[in-house]
Amino acid sequence: MSPLLKSIEEQARALSAEDQSRLADRMPESLQPLSAEIEAAWAEEIEEHVSAFDQGEMTSHAAEDVFAEARRTLR
C-alpha cells in the first residue's frame, strides 16, 4: 500500500460515520462517472416506480421483513 493511500485511509477512518457513508457512496462514481444518458435512464426508472407505487400498482414490504428474509437467506 502506498504511503498516500495509507494516509487517506487513516483520514477516512477518522471521519464520522455519516461522512464515511457519503465518501463510500461517492467512490464508485469517481471510478466510472455516470454518463448523462445513464443518469437520465435511472431518473426515468425511478419516476416510473414511484408512479406505480403511488397508483397502487406496486406492492411494498416493511424493511424489517426484507432484512430478516435476507439474513435467513444468507445463513
N, C-alpha and C. Protein backbone atom coordinates (compact mmCIF):
# COMPACT_ATOMS: atom_id res chain seq x y z
N MET A 1 0.86 -1.17 0.00
CA MET A 1 0.00 0.00 0.00
C MET A 1 0.90 1.23 0.00
N SER A 2 0.57 2.17 -0.87
CA SER A 2 1.37 3.38 -0.96
C SER A 2 1.16 4.23 0.30
N PRO A 3 2.16 5.05 0.64
CA PRO A 3 2.01 5.93 1.80
C PRO A 3 0.81 6.88 1.66
N LEU A 4 0.55 7.34 0.45
CA LEU A 4 -0.57 8.25 0.24
C LEU A 4 -1.88 7.53 0.52
N LEU A 5 -2.03 6.32 0.00
CA LEU A 5 -3.25 5.56 0.24
C LEU A 5 -3.43 5.27 1.72
N LYS A 6 -2.35 4.92 2.40
CA LYS A 6 -2.42 4.65 3.83
C LYS A 6 -2.89 5.89 4.58
N SER A 7 -2.36 7.05 4.22
CA SER A 7 -2.75 8.30 4.86
C SER A 7 -4.23 8.61 4.61
N ILE A 8 -4.66 8.42 3.38
CA ILE A 8 -6.06 8.68 3.05
C ILE A 8 -6.97 7.74 3.83
N GLU A 9 -6.58 6.47 3.93
CA GLU A 9 -7.38 5.50 4.68
C GLU A 9 -7.48 5.90 6.15
N GLU A 10 -6.38 6.33 6.73
CA GLU A 10 -6.41 6.77 8.13
C GLU A 10 -7.32 7.98 8.31
N GLN A 11 -7.26 8.90 7.37
CA GLN A 11 -8.11 10.08 7.44
C GLN A 11 -9.58 9.69 7.28
N ALA A 12 -9.86 8.77 6.40
CA ALA A 12 -11.25 8.33 6.19
C ALA A 12 -11.79 7.66 7.45
N ARG A 13 -10.98 6.87 8.12
CA ARG A 13 -11.42 6.20 9.35
C ARG A 13 -11.69 7.20 10.48
N ALA A 14 -11.09 8.37 10.39
CA ALA A 14 -11.29 9.39 11.42
C ALA A 14 -12.58 10.19 11.19
N LEU A 15 -13.19 10.03 10.04
CA LEU A 15 -14.44 10.74 9.74
C LEU A 15 -15.59 10.18 10.56
N SER A 16 -16.63 10.98 10.69
CA SER A 16 -17.85 10.50 11.33
C SER A 16 -18.46 9.40 10.47
N ALA A 17 -19.33 8.61 11.06
CA ALA A 17 -19.98 7.53 10.31
C ALA A 17 -20.75 8.11 9.12
N GLU A 18 -21.39 9.23 9.32
CA GLU A 18 -22.15 9.87 8.24
C GLU A 18 -21.24 10.27 7.09
N ASP A 19 -20.10 10.88 7.41
CA ASP A 19 -19.17 11.30 6.36
C ASP A 19 -18.52 10.09 5.69
N GLN A 20 -18.25 9.04 6.44
CA GLN A 20 -17.71 7.81 5.84
C GLN A 20 -18.71 7.24 4.84
N SER A 21 -19.98 7.28 5.20
CA SER A 21 -21.02 6.78 4.30
C SER A 21 -21.08 7.61 3.03
N ARG A 22 -21.00 8.92 3.17
CA ARG A 22 -21.01 9.80 1.99
C ARG A 22 -19.81 9.51 1.09
N LEU A 23 -18.66 9.33 1.71
CA LEU A 23 -17.44 9.05 0.95
C LEU A 23 -17.58 7.72 0.22
N ALA A 24 -18.10 6.72 0.90
CA ALA A 24 -18.28 5.41 0.28
C ALA A 24 -19.25 5.50 -0.90
N ASP A 25 -20.28 6.32 -0.79
CA ASP A 25 -21.24 6.50 -1.89
C ASP A 25 -20.58 7.16 -3.10
N ARG A 26 -19.64 8.04 -2.85
CA ARG A 26 -19.03 8.79 -3.94
C ARG A 26 -17.87 8.06 -4.62
N MET A 27 -17.25 7.13 -3.95
CA MET A 27 -16.08 6.46 -4.51
C MET A 27 -16.38 5.73 -5.81
N PRO A 28 -17.44 4.93 -5.91
CA PRO A 28 -17.70 4.26 -7.19
C PRO A 28 -17.90 5.25 -8.33
N GLU A 29 -18.51 6.39 -8.04
CA GLU A 29 -18.71 7.41 -9.07
C GLU A 29 -17.37 7.93 -9.59
N SER A 30 -16.37 8.00 -8.71
CA SER A 30 -15.07 8.51 -9.13
C SER A 30 -14.34 7.52 -10.03
N LEU A 31 -14.68 6.24 -9.91
CA LEU A 31 -14.06 5.23 -10.75
C LEU A 31 -14.65 5.20 -12.15
N GLN A 32 -15.95 5.40 -12.23
CA GLN A 32 -16.63 5.37 -13.52
C GLN A 32 -17.84 6.29 -13.46
N PRO A 33 -17.63 7.56 -13.76
CA PRO A 33 -18.74 8.51 -13.67
C PRO A 33 -19.89 8.10 -14.59
N LEU A 34 -21.10 8.33 -14.12
CA LEU A 34 -22.27 8.02 -14.93
C LEU A 34 -22.40 9.01 -16.07
N SER A 35 -22.74 8.49 -17.21
CA SER A 35 -22.97 9.38 -18.34
C SER A 35 -24.34 10.04 -18.16
N ALA A 36 -24.55 11.13 -18.86
CA ALA A 36 -25.83 11.83 -18.78
C ALA A 36 -26.95 10.90 -19.24
N GLU A 37 -26.68 10.06 -20.22
CA GLU A 37 -27.69 9.13 -20.73
C GLU A 37 -28.08 8.11 -19.65
N ILE A 38 -27.12 7.58 -18.95
CA ILE A 38 -27.39 6.61 -17.89
C ILE A 38 -28.14 7.27 -16.75
N GLU A 39 -27.71 8.47 -16.36
CA GLU A 39 -28.40 9.19 -15.29
C GLU A 39 -29.85 9.47 -15.65
N ALA A 40 -30.09 9.85 -16.91
CA ALA A 40 -31.46 10.12 -17.36
C ALA A 40 -32.30 8.85 -17.33
N ALA A 41 -31.70 7.73 -17.74
CA ALA A 41 -32.42 6.45 -17.71
C ALA A 41 -32.78 6.05 -16.29
N TRP A 42 -31.86 6.23 -15.35
CA TRP A 42 -32.15 5.92 -13.94
C TRP A 42 -33.24 6.84 -13.40
N ALA A 43 -33.18 8.11 -13.74
CA ALA A 43 -34.21 9.06 -13.27
C ALA A 43 -35.58 8.64 -13.79
N GLU A 44 -35.65 8.23 -15.06
CA GLU A 44 -36.92 7.78 -15.63
C GLU A 44 -37.41 6.51 -14.93
N GLU A 45 -36.51 5.59 -14.68
CA GLU A 45 -36.87 4.34 -13.99
C GLU A 45 -37.43 4.63 -12.60
N ILE A 46 -36.78 5.53 -11.89
CA ILE A 46 -37.23 5.89 -10.55
C ILE A 46 -38.61 6.52 -10.60
N GLU A 47 -38.81 7.44 -11.54
CA GLU A 47 -40.12 8.08 -11.68
C GLU A 47 -41.22 7.06 -11.97
N GLU A 48 -40.91 6.07 -12.82
CA GLU A 48 -41.90 5.04 -13.15
C GLU A 48 -42.25 4.21 -11.92
N HIS A 49 -41.24 3.87 -11.12
CA HIS A 49 -41.50 3.09 -9.91
C HIS A 49 -42.31 3.88 -8.89
N VAL A 50 -41.97 5.14 -8.70
CA VAL A 50 -42.70 5.98 -7.75
C VAL A 50 -44.15 6.13 -8.20
N SER A 51 -44.35 6.35 -9.49
CA SER A 51 -45.70 6.49 -10.02
C SER A 51 -46.50 5.20 -9.83
N ALA A 52 -45.89 4.07 -10.13
CA ALA A 52 -46.57 2.77 -9.97
C ALA A 52 -46.93 2.54 -8.51
N PHE A 53 -46.04 2.90 -7.62
CA PHE A 53 -46.31 2.73 -6.19
C PHE A 53 -47.46 3.65 -5.77
N ASP A 54 -47.39 4.91 -6.19
CA ASP A 54 -48.44 5.87 -5.83
C ASP A 54 -49.82 5.44 -6.34
N GLN A 55 -49.86 4.75 -7.48
CA GLN A 55 -51.12 4.32 -8.08
C GLN A 55 -51.54 2.94 -7.58
N GLY A 56 -50.80 2.39 -6.65
CA GLY A 56 -51.14 1.09 -6.09
C GLY A 56 -50.83 -0.08 -7.00
N GLU A 57 -50.01 0.14 -8.00
CA GLU A 57 -49.67 -0.92 -8.95
C GLU A 57 -48.45 -1.72 -8.50
N MET A 58 -47.82 -1.29 -7.43
CA MET A 58 -46.61 -1.94 -6.94
C MET A 58 -46.76 -2.14 -5.44
N THR A 59 -46.41 -3.31 -4.98
CA THR A 59 -46.51 -3.57 -3.54
C THR A 59 -45.20 -3.18 -2.86
N SER A 60 -45.29 -3.03 -1.57
CA SER A 60 -44.10 -2.73 -0.78
C SER A 60 -44.02 -3.70 0.39
N HIS A 61 -42.86 -3.78 0.96
CA HIS A 61 -42.62 -4.65 2.10
C HIS A 61 -41.88 -3.87 3.18
N ALA A 62 -42.19 -4.15 4.43
CA ALA A 62 -41.52 -3.46 5.53
C ALA A 62 -40.03 -3.80 5.50
N ALA A 63 -39.21 -2.81 5.74
CA ALA A 63 -37.76 -3.01 5.73
C ALA A 63 -37.34 -4.12 6.68
N GLU A 64 -37.99 -4.17 7.85
CA GLU A 64 -37.63 -5.20 8.83
C GLU A 64 -37.83 -6.60 8.24
N ASP A 65 -38.93 -6.78 7.49
CA ASP A 65 -39.21 -8.07 6.88
C ASP A 65 -38.18 -8.40 5.79
N VAL A 66 -37.82 -7.42 5.01
CA VAL A 66 -36.85 -7.63 3.94
C VAL A 66 -35.49 -8.02 4.53
N PHE A 67 -35.05 -7.30 5.55
CA PHE A 67 -33.76 -7.60 6.15
C PHE A 67 -33.78 -8.95 6.87
N ALA A 68 -34.89 -9.27 7.52
CA ALA A 68 -35.00 -10.57 8.18
C ALA A 68 -34.91 -11.70 7.16
N GLU A 69 -35.57 -11.54 6.03
CA GLU A 69 -35.52 -12.55 4.97
C GLU A 69 -34.10 -12.67 4.41
N ALA A 70 -33.43 -11.54 4.22
CA ALA A 70 -32.05 -11.55 3.73
C ALA A 70 -31.15 -12.30 4.71
N ARG A 71 -31.32 -12.04 6.00
CA ARG A 71 -30.48 -12.73 6.99
C ARG A 71 -30.74 -14.24 6.95
N ARG A 72 -32.01 -14.63 6.83
CA ARG A 72 -32.34 -16.07 6.75
C ARG A 72 -31.72 -16.69 5.50
N THR A 73 -31.76 -15.98 4.41
CA THR A 73 -31.24 -16.49 3.15
C THR A 73 -29.72 -16.65 3.20
N LEU A 74 -29.06 -15.73 3.87
CA LEU A 74 -27.59 -15.73 3.90
C LEU A 74 -27.01 -16.74 4.89
N ARG A 75 -27.83 -17.32 5.72
CA ARG A 75 -27.31 -18.29 6.70
C ARG A 75 -26.99 -19.59 6.07
